[in-house]
Amino acid sequence: MSTYKPPYIISTKIVNLISKISEELAKLEFNSPQVVAPMLRKKNRIRTLAGTLEIEGNYLGEEKITAILDGKPVLGTMIEVAEVEGAIKAYQELENYNYDKVSDLLHAHKILMNGILKTAGAFRNSNVRVGEHIAPQAYLVPELMSQLFDWLESSDEHLLLKSCIFHYEFEFIHPFSDGNGRIGRLWQSVILHKYNSLFSSLPTESIVRDHQQEYYKALEDATAQGESTPFVEFMLGMILEAITKVGNEVGNKVGNLTENQILIIEKMKEEPKIGAKKLAEHVGISVRKIEENVAKLKKMDLIVRVGGTRGHWEVV
């Protein structure tokens, strides 16, 4: 049992945000087949990667990250491409990390920073300053990280709360010579995934990117206050926004379908190899109208064609 306890206060705002997150998460779980569907999952993972990298100044963006994921060459510096490749590989392992094992965090850092940092996977051996913040001296880092992970493993606090507290404490310690922001955000997602597996399909990091200056201010305010409370409140807000954004996207897609589009989807489920002519007969509209509706459903990521003209339809 760890005797170390990071300083924080559970404010009324924190209690209300945790309650609201739980409520919205329950709604999202109702639509979980759509949320974890391959197309939407990939789209949100790309958003996550672009978000966490852009916070650190890598602006290759979603289009080029998609190309790299698909094995296509892209224009960019060697470092930019290496950062994307490292982030892709580190997030691919998200569901396999033990959130309360420091050895897994070191392994994730090695994956993330491989080819970028000679000391990838090892704590820093020099002192650092981040803006106005002077991080703890290097010789203290292993013990501080051990204490933090002991607390993470033994604390009875809600995992939503623990994920935010850990994120702040990690950034305060700043245990690596580079990659701290990316690893801190990744590890919060690892902890959140432990709480609910849907979090591996939510683009929380891209929401943080959209509020980047507020993110930095929350870190600074927490440091000035001597406790993580301001940062916890901020991050819970970001988590809530990520859940509601995906929930709205899924709800809008399903809720805005026309009667003809619903009939098309239902028939594709029954007969995955069905063609436009037979669909037109079933729905009672022209082949051209079928093709227009199919194009819209594909754009909405609700159906996908597998195997070209001789292939079949998959309903996402």
C-alpha atoms as a PDB file:
ATOM      1  CA  MET A   1       0.000   0.000   0.000  1.00  0.00           C
ATOM      2  CA  SER A   2       1.452   3.308  -1.100  1.00  0.00           C
ATOM      3  CA  THR A   3       1.730   6.067   1.509  1.00  0.00           C
ATOM      4  CA  TYR A   4       2.166   8.709  -1.214  1.00  0.00           C
ATOM      5  CA  LYS A   5      -0.945  10.705  -2.155  1.00  0.00           C
ATOM      6  CA  PRO A   6      -0.818  13.463  -4.795  1.00  0.00           C
ATOM      7  CA  PRO A   7      -2.348  16.751  -3.600  1.00  0.00           C
ATOM      8  CA  TYR A   8      -5.832  17.487  -4.976  1.00  0.00           C
ATOM      9  CA  ILE A   9      -9.315  18.474  -3.807  1.00  0.00           C
ATOM     10  CA  ILE A  10     -12.501  16.870  -5.119  1.00  0.00           C
ATOM     11  CA  SER A  11     -14.468  20.008  -5.957  1.00  0.00           C
ATOM     12  CA  THR A  12     -18.192  20.271  -6.690  1.00  0.00           C
ATOM     13  CA  LYS A  13     -17.265  20.858 -10.336  1.00  0.00           C
ATOM     14  CA  ILE A  14     -15.318  17.570 -10.428  1.00  0.00           C
ATOM     15  CA  VAL A  15     -18.234  15.642  -8.881  1.00  0.00           C
ATOM     16  CA  ASN A  16     -20.681  17.135 -11.396  1.00  0.00           C
ATOM     17  CA  LEU A  17     -18.387  16.423 -14.357  1.00  0.00           C
ATOM     18  CA  ILE A  18     -17.858  12.773 -13.327  1.00  0.00           C
ATOM     19  CA  SER A  19     -21.627  12.375 -12.989  1.00  0.00           C
ATOM     20  CA  LYS A  20     -22.234  13.942 -16.420  1.00  0.00           C
ATOM     21  CA  ILE A  21     -19.491  11.833 -18.049  1.00  0.00           C
ATOM     22  CA  SER A  22     -21.035   8.651 -16.618  1.00  0.00           C
ATOM     23  CA  GLU A  23     -24.440   9.706 -17.952  1.00  0.00           C
ATOM     24  CA  GLU A  24     -23.164  10.516 -21.460  1.00  0.00           C
ATOM     25  CA  LEU A  25     -21.029   7.359 -21.528  1.00  0.00           C
ATOM     26  CA  ALA A  26     -24.131   5.276 -20.818  1.00  0.00           C
ATOM     27  CA  LYS A  27     -25.839   6.888 -23.820  1.00  0.00           C
ATOM     28  CA  LEU A  28     -22.787   6.200 -25.976  1.00  0.00           C
ATOM     29  CA  GLU A  29     -22.708   2.554 -24.892  1.00  0.00           C
ATOM     30  CA  PHE A  30     -26.206   2.187 -26.369  1.00  0.00           C
ATOM     31  CA  ASN A  31     -24.639   3.001 -29.761  1.00  0.00           C
ATOM     32  CA  SER A  32     -21.392   1.138 -29.048  1.00  0.00           C
ATOM     33  CA  PRO A  33     -21.577  -1.047 -32.215  1.00  0.00           C
ATOM     34  CA  GLN A  34     -21.339   2.143 -34.309  1.00  0.00           C
ATOM     35  CA  VAL A  35     -18.660   3.722 -32.080  1.00  0.00           C
ATOM     36  CA  VAL A  36     -16.273   0.755 -32.305  1.00  0.00           C
ATOM     37  CA  ALA A  37     -17.036   0.019 -35.973  1.00  0.00           C
ATOM     38  CA  PRO A  38     -13.770  -0.193 -37.975  1.00  0.00           C
ATOM     39  CA  MET A  39     -14.334   2.911 -40.121  1.00  0.00           C
ATOM     40  CA  LEU A  40     -15.287   5.253 -37.270  1.00  0.00           C
ATOM     41  CA  ARG A  41     -12.673   3.745 -34.961  1.00  0.00           C
ATOM     42  CA  LYS A  42      -9.949   4.373 -37.552  1.00  0.00           C
ATOM     43  CA  LYS A  43     -11.205   7.914 -38.188  1.00  0.00           C
ATOM     44  CA  ASN A  44     -11.126   8.752 -34.475  1.00  0.00           C
ATOM     45  CA  ARG A  45      -7.693   7.145 -34.006  1.00  0.00           C
ATOM     46  CA  ILE A  46      -6.352   9.375 -36.806  1.00  0.00           C
ATOM     47  CA  ARG A  47      -7.919  12.389 -35.072  1.00  0.00           C
ATOM     48  CA  THR A  48      -6.216  11.318 -31.837  1.00  0.00           C
ATOM     49  CA  LEU A  49      -2.811  10.958 -33.497  1.00  0.00           C
ATOM     50  CA  ALA A  50      -3.088  14.288 -35.324  1.00  0.00           C
ATOM     51  CA  GLY A  51      -4.237  16.016 -32.129  1.00  0.00           C
ATOM     52  CA  THR A  52      -1.485  14.785 -29.833  1.00  0.00           C
ATOM     53  CA  LEU A  53       1.219  15.440 -32.462  1.00  0.00           C
ATOM     54  CA  GLU A  54      -0.010  18.936 -33.353  1.00  0.00           C
ATOM     55  CA  ILE A  55       0.193  19.959 -29.681  1.00  0.00           C
ATOM     56  CA  GLU A  56       3.926  19.191 -29.985  1.00  0.00           C
ATOM     57  CA  GLY A  57       4.344  21.089 -33.266  1.00  0.00           C
ATOM     58  CA  ASN A  58       4.012  18.261 -35.801  1.00  0.00           C
ATOM     59  CA  TYR A  59       1.482  19.431 -38.408  1.00  0.00           C
ATOM     60  CA  LEU A  60       1.557  16.609 -40.961  1.00  0.00           C
ATOM     61  CA  GLY A  61      -2.182  16.334 -40.278  1.00  0.00           C
ATOM     62  CA  GLU A  62      -4.905  13.743 -40.692  1.00  0.00           C
ATOM     63  CA  GLU A  63      -4.523  13.259 -44.450  1.00  0.00           C
ATOM     64  CA  LYS A  64      -0.810  12.419 -44.288  1.00  0.00           C
ATOM     65  CA  ILE A  65      -1.238  10.305 -41.147  1.00  0.00           C
ATOM     66  CA  THR A  66      -3.891   8.312 -43.039  1.00  0.00           C
ATOM     67  CA  ALA A  67      -1.440   7.836 -45.915  1.00  0.00           C
ATOM     68  CA  ILE A  68       1.306   6.633 -43.540  1.00  0.00           C
ATOM     69  CA  LEU A  69      -1.164   4.217 -41.909  1.00  0.00           C
ATOM     70  CA  ASP A  70      -1.957   2.882 -45.384  1.00  0.00           C
ATOM     71  CA  GLY A  71       1.741   2.452 -46.170  1.00  0.00           C
ATOM     72  CA  LYS A  72       1.920   5.300 -48.681  1.00  0.00           C
ATOM     73  CA  PRO A  73       4.862   7.740 -48.968  1.00  0.00           C
ATOM     74  CA  VAL A  74       4.291  11.317 -47.800  1.00  0.00           C
ATOM     75  CA  LEU A  75       6.163  14.602 -47.957  1.00  0.00           C
ATOM     76  CA  GLY A  76       7.639  15.570 -44.595  1.00  0.00           C
ATOM     77  CA  THR A  77      10.921  15.688 -42.701  1.00  0.00           C
ATOM     78  CA  MET A  78      12.421  12.458 -41.380  1.00  0.00           C
ATOM     79  CA  ILE A  79      11.648  13.550 -37.815  1.00  0.00           C
ATOM     80  CA  GLU A  80       8.012  14.402 -38.635  1.00  0.00           C
ATOM     81  CA  VAL A  81       7.444  11.021 -40.275  1.00  0.00           C
ATOM     82  CA  ALA A  82       9.266   9.193 -37.455  1.00  0.00           C
ATOM     83  CA  GLU A  83       7.068  10.963 -34.883  1.00  0.00           C
ATOM     84  CA  VAL A  84       3.924   9.867 -36.729  1.00  0.00           C
ATOM     85  CA  GLU A  85       5.161   6.283 -37.096  1.00  0.00           C
ATOM     86  CA  GLY A  86       6.108   6.163 -33.412  1.00  0.00           C
ATOM     87  CA  ALA A  87       2.725   7.527 -32.340  1.00  0.00           C
ATOM     88  CA  ILE A  88       0.889   5.043 -34.583  1.00  0.00           C
ATOM     89  CA  LYS A  89       2.775   2.087 -33.074  1.00  0.00           C
ATOM     90  CA  ALA A  90       2.439   3.358 -29.484  1.00  0.00           C
ATOM     91  CA  TYR A  91      -1.345   3.798 -29.824  1.00  0.00           C
ATOM     92  CA  GLN A  92      -1.749   0.432 -31.552  1.00  0.00           C
ATOM     93  CA  GLU A  93      -0.650  -1.116 -28.247  1.00  0.00           C
ATOM     94  CA  LEU A  94      -3.024   1.031 -26.142  1.00  0.00           C
ATOM     95  CA  GLU A  95      -5.282  -1.868 -25.172  1.00  0.00           C
ATOM     96  CA  ASN A  96      -2.325  -4.094 -24.207  1.00  0.00           C
ATOM     97  CA  TYR A  97      -0.577  -1.816 -21.694  1.00  0.00           C
ATOM     98  CA  ASN A  98      -1.009  -2.394 -17.960  1.00  0.00           C
ATOM     99  CA  TYR A  99      -1.978   1.091 -16.804  1.00  0.00           C
ATOM    100  CA  ASP A 100      -0.386   0.660 -13.363  1.00  0.00           C
ATOM    101  CA  LYS A 101       2.990  -0.778 -14.469  1.00  0.00           C
ATOM    102  CA  VAL A 102       5.883   1.658 -14.865  1.00  0.00           C
ATOM    103  CA  SER A 103       7.666  -0.919 -17.050  1.00  0.00           C
ATOM    104  CA  ASP A 104       4.817  -0.681 -19.572  1.00  0.00           C
ATOM    105  CA  LEU A 105       5.069   3.114 -19.608  1.00  0.00           C
ATOM    106  CA  LEU A 106       8.810   2.855 -20.327  1.00  0.00           C
ATOM    107  CA  HIS A 107       8.054   0.367 -23.103  1.00  0.00           C
ATOM    108  CA  ALA A 108       5.463   2.753 -24.601  1.00  0.00           C
ATOM    109  CA  HIS A 109       8.009   5.597 -24.545  1.00  0.00           C
ATOM    110  CA  LYS A 110      10.532   3.392 -26.322  1.00  0.00           C
ATOM    111  CA  ILE A 111       7.993   2.636 -29.066  1.00  0.00           C
ATOM    112  CA  LEU A 112       6.910   6.274 -29.343  1.00  0.00           C
ATOM    113  CA  MET A 113      10.391   7.798 -29.491  1.00  0.00           C
ATOM    114  CA  ASN A 114      12.283   5.056 -31.330  1.00  0.00           C
ATOM    115  CA  GLY A 115      14.448   6.626 -34.036  1.00  0.00           C
ATOM    116  CA  ILE A 116      13.956  10.083 -32.521  1.00  0.00           C
ATOM    117  CA  LEU A 117      15.610   9.872 -29.112  1.00  0.00           C
ATOM    118  CA  LYS A 118      18.719   7.891 -28.192  1.00  0.00           C
ATOM    119  CA  THR A 119      17.430   7.465 -24.642  1.00  0.00           C
ATOM    120  CA  ALA A 120      13.966   6.239 -25.708  1.00  0.00           C
ATOM    121  CA  GLY A 121      12.487   4.058 -22.979  1.00  0.00           C
ATOM    122  CA  ALA A 122      14.707   5.458 -20.201  1.00  0.00           C
ATOM    123  CA  PHE A 123      14.185   8.254 -17.683  1.00  0.00           C
ATOM    124  CA  ARG A 124      16.147  11.461 -18.183  1.00  0.00           C
ATOM    125  CA  ASN A 125      19.590  11.833 -16.575  1.00  0.00           C
ATOM    126  CA  SER A 126      19.731  15.631 -16.717  1.00  0.00           C
ATOM    127  CA  ASN A 127      17.758  18.442 -15.103  1.00  0.00           C
ATOM    128  CA  VAL A 128      15.106  20.255 -17.166  1.00  0.00           C
ATOM    129  CA  ARG A 129      13.042  23.418 -17.117  1.00  0.00           C
ATOM    130  CA  VAL A 130       9.704  23.709 -18.927  1.00  0.00           C
ATOM    131  CA  GLY A 131       8.780  27.369 -19.248  1.00  0.00           C
ATOM    132  CA  GLU A 132       8.637  28.677 -15.682  1.00  0.00           C
ATOM    133  CA  HIS A 133       8.461  25.161 -14.234  1.00  0.00           C
ATOM    134  CA  ILE A 134      11.690  23.628 -12.931  1.00  0.00           C
ATOM    135  CA  ALA A 135      11.085  19.877 -12.939  1.00  0.00           C
ATOM    136  CA  PRO A 136      12.381  17.699 -10.067  1.00  0.00           C
ATOM    137  CA  GLN A 137      16.069  16.850 -10.291  1.00  0.00           C
ATOM    138  CA  ALA A 138      16.927  13.869 -12.457  1.00  0.00           C
ATOM    139  CA  TYR A 139      18.146  11.653  -9.615  1.00  0.00           C
ATOM    140  CA  LEU A 140      14.682  11.924  -7.986  1.00  0.00           C
ATOM    141  CA  VAL A 141      12.732  10.816 -11.068  1.00  0.00           C
ATOM    142  CA  PRO A 142      12.844   6.989 -10.613  1.00  0.00           C
ATOM    143  CA  GLU A 143      11.596   7.221  -7.016  1.00  0.00           C
ATOM    144  CA  LEU A 144       8.923   9.807  -7.850  1.00  0.00           C
ATOM    145  CA  MET A 145       7.625   7.671 -10.726  1.00  0.00           C
ATOM    146  CA  SER A 146       7.657   4.571  -8.508  1.00  0.00           C
ATOM    147  CA  GLN A 147       5.576   6.416  -5.896  1.00  0.00           C
ATOM    148  CA  LEU A 148       3.162   7.701  -8.547  1.00  0.00           C
ATOM    149  CA  PHE A 149       2.594   4.205  -9.963  1.00  0.00           C
ATOM    150  CA  ASP A 150       2.223   2.723  -6.469  1.00  0.00           C
ATOM    151  CA  TRP A 151      -0.533   5.279  -5.840  1.00  0.00           C
ATOM    152  CA  LEU A 152      -2.092   4.539  -9.239  1.00  0.00           C
ATOM    153  CA  GLU A 153      -2.240   0.831  -8.390  1.00  0.00           C
ATOM    154  CA  SER A 154      -3.437   1.110  -4.777  1.00  0.00           C
ATOM    155  CA  SER A 155      -5.725   4.178  -4.749  1.00  0.00           C
ATOM    156  CA  ASP A 156      -9.480   3.599  -4.512  1.00  0.00           C
ATOM    157  CA  GLU A 157     -10.279   6.822  -6.363  1.00  0.00           C
ATOM    158  CA  HIS A 158     -12.498   6.726  -9.465  1.00  0.00           C
ATOM    159  CA  LEU A 159     -10.453   5.879 -12.582  1.00  0.00           C
ATOM    160  CA  LEU A 160     -11.700   9.024 -14.317  1.00  0.00           C
ATOM    161  CA  LEU A 161     -10.204  11.049 -11.477  1.00  0.00           C
ATOM    162  CA  LYS A 162      -7.018   8.974 -11.322  1.00  0.00           C
ATOM    163  CA  SER A 163      -6.412   9.408 -15.056  1.00  0.00           C
ATOM    164  CA  CYS A 164      -6.450  13.214 -14.738  1.00  0.00           C
ATOM    165  CA  ILE A 165      -4.379  13.331 -11.536  1.00  0.00           C
ATOM    166  CA  PHE A 166      -1.795  11.001 -13.070  1.00  0.00           C
ATOM    167  CA  HIS A 167      -1.609  13.125 -16.216  1.00  0.00           C
ATOM    168  CA  TYR A 168      -0.820  16.252 -14.207  1.00  0.00           C
ATOM    169  CA  GLU A 169       1.652  14.577 -11.826  1.00  0.00           C
ATOM    170  CA  PHE A 170       3.420  12.963 -14.771  1.00  0.00           C
ATOM    171  CA  GLU A 171       3.856  16.297 -16.540  1.00  0.00           C
ATOM    172  CA  PHE A 172       5.037  17.892 -13.287  1.00  0.00           C
ATOM    173  CA  ILE A 173       7.755  15.235 -12.850  1.00  0.00           C
ATOM    174  CA  HIS A 174       8.604  15.413 -16.574  1.00  0.00           C
ATOM    175  CA  PRO A 175      10.452  12.082 -16.399  1.00  0.00           C
ATOM    176  CA  PHE A 176      11.809  11.908 -19.959  1.00  0.00           C
ATOM    177  CA  SER A 177      14.154  14.159 -21.881  1.00  0.00           C
ATOM    178  CA  ASP A 178      11.523  14.388 -24.674  1.00  0.00           C
ATOM    179  CA  GLY A 179       8.051  13.045 -25.468  1.00  0.00           C
ATOM    180  CA  ASN A 180       6.505  13.805 -22.076  1.00  0.00           C
ATOM    181  CA  GLY A 181       3.382  15.497 -23.446  1.00  0.00           C
ATOM    182  CA  ARG A 182       2.623  12.681 -25.878  1.00  0.00           C
ATOM    183  CA  ILE A 183       3.214   9.947 -23.299  1.00  0.00           C
ATOM    184  CA  GLY A 184       1.206  11.786 -20.635  1.00  0.00           C
ATOM    185  CA  ARG A 185      -1.800  12.027 -22.956  1.00  0.00           C
ATOM    186  CA  LEU A 186      -1.377   8.452 -24.156  1.00  0.00           C
ATOM    187  CA  TRP A 187      -1.227   7.139 -20.584  1.00  0.00           C
ATOM    188  CA  GLN A 188      -4.357   8.998 -19.574  1.00  0.00           C
ATOM    189  CA  SER A 189      -6.098   7.238 -22.476  1.00  0.00           C
ATOM    190  CA  VAL A 190      -4.667   3.914 -21.261  1.00  0.00           C
ATOM    191  CA  ILE A 191      -6.168   4.516 -17.793  1.00  0.00           C
ATOM    192  CA  LEU A 192      -9.480   5.633 -19.316  1.00  0.00           C
ATOM    193  CA  HIS A 193      -9.565   2.468 -21.448  1.00  0.00           C
ATOM    194  CA  LYS A 194      -9.225   0.446 -18.251  1.00  0.00           C
ATOM    195  CA  TYR A 195     -12.330   2.255 -16.969  1.00  0.00           C
ATOM    196  CA  ASN A 196     -14.330   1.766 -20.177  1.00  0.00           C
ATOM    197  CA  SER A 197     -13.082   0.169 -23.396  1.00  0.00           C
ATOM    198  CA  LEU A 198     -14.970   2.740 -25.512  1.00  0.00           C
ATOM    199  CA  PHE A 199     -12.262   5.275 -24.665  1.00  0.00           C
ATOM    200  CA  SER A 200      -9.864   3.599 -27.108  1.00  0.00           C
ATOM    201  CA  SER A 201     -12.267   4.766 -29.843  1.00  0.00           C
ATOM    202  CA  LEU A 202     -12.670   8.363 -28.607  1.00  0.00           C
ATOM    203  CA  PRO A 203     -10.461  11.209 -29.910  1.00  0.00           C
ATOM    204  CA  THR A 204      -9.842  12.902 -26.534  1.00  0.00           C
ATOM    205  CA  GLU A 205      -6.421  14.146 -27.616  1.00  0.00           C
ATOM    206  CA  SER A 206      -7.895  16.013 -30.582  1.00  0.00           C
ATOM    207  CA  ILE A 207     -10.289  17.834 -28.230  1.00  0.00           C
ATOM    208  CA  VAL A 208      -7.316  18.841 -26.056  1.00  0.00           C
ATOM    209  CA  ARG A 209      -5.577  20.130 -29.215  1.00  0.00           C
ATOM    210  CA  ASP A 210      -8.624  22.308 -29.921  1.00  0.00           C
ATOM    211  CA  HIS A 211      -8.176  23.832 -26.432  1.00  0.00           C
ATOM    212  CA  GLN A 212      -4.376  23.839 -26.419  1.00  0.00           C
ATOM    213  CA  GLN A 213      -3.814  27.179 -24.666  1.00  0.00           C
ATOM    214  CA  GLU A 214      -6.364  26.272 -21.988  1.00  0.00           C
ATOM    215  CA  TYR A 215      -4.530  22.956 -21.553  1.00  0.00           C
ATOM    216  CA  TYR A 216      -1.246  24.732 -20.847  1.00  0.00           C
ATOM    217  CA  LYS A 217      -2.961  27.223 -18.553  1.00  0.00           C
ATOM    218  CA  ALA A 218      -4.593  24.412 -16.563  1.00  0.00           C
ATOM    219  CA  LEU A 219      -1.154  22.828 -16.077  1.00  0.00           C
ATOM    220  CA  GLU A 220       0.286  26.191 -14.967  1.00  0.00           C
ATOM    221  CA  ASP A 221      -2.648  26.930 -12.649  1.00  0.00           C
ATOM    222  CA  ALA A 222      -2.308  23.525 -10.984  1.00  0.00           C
ATOM    223  CA  THR A 223       1.415  24.067 -10.435  1.00  0.00           C
ATOM    224  CA  ALA A 224       0.838  27.558  -9.028  1.00  0.00           C
ATOM    225  CA  GLN A 225      -1.897  26.217  -6.735  1.00  0.00           C
ATOM    226  CA  GLY A 226       0.241  23.282  -5.578  1.00  0.00           C
ATOM    227  CA  GLU A 227      -2.420  20.692  -6.436  1.00  0.00           C
ATOM    228  CA  SER A 228      -3.851  19.120  -9.586  1.00  0.00           C
ATOM    229  CA  THR A 229      -7.476  20.273  -9.044  1.00  0.00           C
ATOM    230  CA  PRO A 230      -7.580  22.939 -11.848  1.00  0.00           C
ATOM    231  CA  PHE A 231      -6.089  20.474 -14.320  1.00  0.00           C
ATOM    232  CA  VAL A 232      -8.455  17.688 -13.253  1.00  0.00           C
ATOM    233  CA  GLU A 233     -11.442  19.984 -13.819  1.00  0.00           C
ATOM    234  CA  PHE A 234     -10.123  20.966 -17.256  1.00  0.00           C
ATOM    235  CA  MET A 235      -9.393  17.396 -18.405  1.00  0.00           C
ATOM    236  CA  LEU A 236     -12.748  16.053 -17.221  1.00  0.00           C
ATOM    237  CA  GLY A 237     -14.318  18.774 -19.370  1.00  0.00           C
ATOM    238  CA  MET A 238     -12.274  17.587 -22.356  1.00  0.00           C
ATOM    239  CA  ILE A 239     -13.314  13.975 -21.768  1.00  0.00           C
ATOM    240  CA  LEU A 240     -16.973  15.007 -21.607  1.00  0.00           C
ATOM    241  CA  GLU A 241     -16.620  16.973 -24.850  1.00  0.00           C
ATOM    242  CA  ALA A 242     -15.009  13.985 -26.613  1.00  0.00           C
ATOM    243  CA  ILE A 243     -17.867  11.694 -25.547  1.00  0.00           C
ATOM    244  CA  THR A 244     -20.619  14.103 -26.573  1.00  0.00           C
ATOM    245  CA  LYS A 245     -18.937  14.904 -29.905  1.00  0.00           C
ATOM    246  CA  VAL A 246     -18.761  11.251 -30.933  1.00  0.00           C
ATOM    247  CA  GLY A 247     -22.233  10.641 -29.521  1.00  0.00           C
ATOM    248  CA  ASN A 248     -23.645  13.469 -31.613  1.00  0.00           C
ATOM    249  CA  GLU A 249     -21.880  12.229 -34.755  1.00  0.00           C
ATOM    250  CA  VAL A 250     -23.266   8.720 -34.326  1.00  0.00           C
ATOM    251  CA  GLY A 251     -26.722   9.966 -33.308  1.00  0.00           C
ATOM    252  CA  ASN A 252     -26.936  12.358 -36.240  1.00  0.00           C
ATOM    253  CA  LYS A 253     -25.985   9.651 -38.704  1.00  0.00           C
ATOM    254  CA  VAL A 254     -28.506   7.122 -37.439  1.00  0.00           C
ATOM    255  CA  GLY A 255     -31.213   9.690 -36.628  1.00  0.00           C
ATOM    256  CA  ASN A 256     -31.054  11.436 -40.003  1.00  0.00           C
ATOM    257  CA  LEU A 257     -31.431   8.368 -42.209  1.00  0.00           C
ATOM    258  CA  THR A 258     -34.311   8.420 -44.676  1.00  0.00           C
ATOM    259  CA  GLU A 259     -36.769   5.533 -44.930  1.00  0.00           C
ATOM    260  CA  ASN A 260     -35.163   4.476 -48.236  1.00  0.00           C
ATOM    261  CA  GLN A 261     -31.676   4.496 -46.679  1.00  0.00           C
ATOM    262  CA  ILE A 262     -32.898   2.322 -43.798  1.00  0.00           C
ATOM    263  CA  LEU A 263     -34.407  -0.142 -46.292  1.00  0.00           C
ATOM    264  CA  ILE A 264     -31.103  -0.233 -48.230  1.00  0.00           C
ATOM    265  CA  ILE A 265     -29.108  -0.955 -45.068  1.00  0.00           C
ATOM    266  CA  GLU A 266     -31.509  -3.663 -43.895  1.00  0.00           C
ATOM    267  CA  LYS A 267     -31.408  -5.378 -47.311  1.00  0.00           C
ATOM    268  CA  MET A 268     -27.595  -5.209 -47.390  1.00  0.00           C
ATOM    269  CA  LYS A 269     -27.532  -6.959 -44.002  1.00  0.00           C
ATOM    270  CA  GLU A 270     -29.721  -9.740 -45.410  1.00  0.00           C
ATOM    271  CA  GLU A 271     -27.921  -9.975 -48.774  1.00  0.00           C
ATOM    272  CA  PRO A 272     -24.355  -8.558 -48.604  1.00  0.00           C
ATOM    273  CA  LYS A 273     -23.741  -9.258 -52.316  1.00  0.00           C
ATOM    274  CA  ILE A 274     -26.896  -7.499 -53.509  1.00  0.00           C
ATOM    275  CA  GLY A 275     -26.550  -5.166 -56.518  1.00  0.00           C
ATOM    276  CA  ALA A 276     -28.089  -1.775 -57.319  1.00  0.00           C
ATOM    277  CA  LYS A 277     -30.765  -3.211 -59.669  1.00  0.00           C
ATOM    278  CA  LYS A 278     -32.109  -5.633 -57.073  1.00  0.00           C
ATOM    279  CA  LEU A 279     -31.965  -2.936 -54.396  1.00  0.00           C
ATOM    280  CA  ALA A 280     -33.982  -0.631 -56.647  1.00  0.00           C
ATOM    281  CA  GLU A 281     -36.665  -3.322 -57.023  1.00  0.00           C
ATOM    282  CA  HIS A 282     -36.745  -3.924 -53.266  1.00  0.00           C
ATOM    283  CA  VAL A 283     -36.893  -0.251 -52.237  1.00  0.00           C
ATOM    284  CA  GLY A 284     -39.101   0.875 -55.117  1.00  0.00           C
ATOM    285  CA  ILE A 285     -36.889   3.645 -56.521  1.00  0.00           C
ATOM    286  CA  SER A 286     -34.655   4.021 -59.593  1.00  0.00           C
ATOM    287  CA  VAL A 287     -31.148   2.568 -59.845  1.00  0.00           C
ATOM    288  CA  ARG A 288     -29.785   6.132 -60.043  1.00  0.00           C
ATOM    289  CA  LYS A 289     -31.492   7.013 -56.727  1.00  0.00           C
ATOM    290  CA  ILE A 290     -30.101   3.837 -55.179  1.00  0.00           C
ATOM    291  CA  GLU A 291     -26.589   4.833 -56.274  1.00  0.00           C
ATOM    292  CA  GLU A 292     -27.061   8.344 -54.808  1.00  0.00           C
ATOM    293  CA  ASN A 293     -28.208   6.936 -51.456  1.00  0.00           C
ATOM    294  CA  VAL A 294     -25.433   4.329 -51.379  1.00  0.00           C
ATOM    295  CA  ALA A 295     -22.868   7.091 -51.987  1.00  0.00           C
ATOM    296  CA  LYS A 296     -24.315   9.071 -49.048  1.00  0.00           C
ATOM    297  CA  LEU A 297     -24.270   6.019 -46.750  1.00  0.00           C
ATOM    298  CA  LYS A 298     -20.633   5.351 -47.694  1.00  0.00           C
ATOM    299  CA  LYS A 299     -19.722   8.980 -46.970  1.00  0.00           C
ATOM    300  CA  MET A 300     -21.396   8.651 -43.556  1.00  0.00           C
ATOM    301  CA  ASP A 301     -19.191   5.576 -42.835  1.00  0.00           C
ATOM    302  CA  LEU A 302     -22.320   3.427 -42.343  1.00  0.00           C
ATOM    303  CA  ILE A 303     -21.537   0.973 -45.157  1.00  0.00           C
ATOM    304  CA  VAL A 304     -18.328  -0.116 -46.834  1.00  0.00           C
ATOM    305  CA  ARG A 305     -17.685  -2.040 -50.025  1.00  0.00           C
ATOM    306  CA  VAL A 306     -15.283  -4.953 -49.661  1.00  0.00           C
ATOM    307  CA  GLY A 307     -13.690  -6.540 -52.730  1.00  0.00           C
ATOM    308  CA  GLY A 308     -14.806  -4.204 -55.528  1.00  0.00           C
ATOM    309  CA  THR A 309     -17.562  -5.042 -58.036  1.00  0.00           C
ATOM    310  CA  ARG A 310     -17.457  -8.777 -57.268  1.00  0.00           C
ATOM    311  CA  GLY A 311     -17.267  -8.168 -53.529  1.00  0.00           C
ATOM    312  CA  HIS A 312     -19.895  -7.537 -50.849  1.00  0.00           C
ATOM    313  CA  TRP A 313     -21.328  -4.856 -48.573  1.00  0.00           C
ATOM    314  CA  GLU A 314     -20.472  -4.554 -44.898  1.00  0.00           C
ATOM    315  CA  VAL A 315     -22.867  -2.562 -42.726  1.00  0.00           C
ATOM    316  CA  VAL A 316     -20.829  -0.596 -40.198  1.00  0.00           C
END
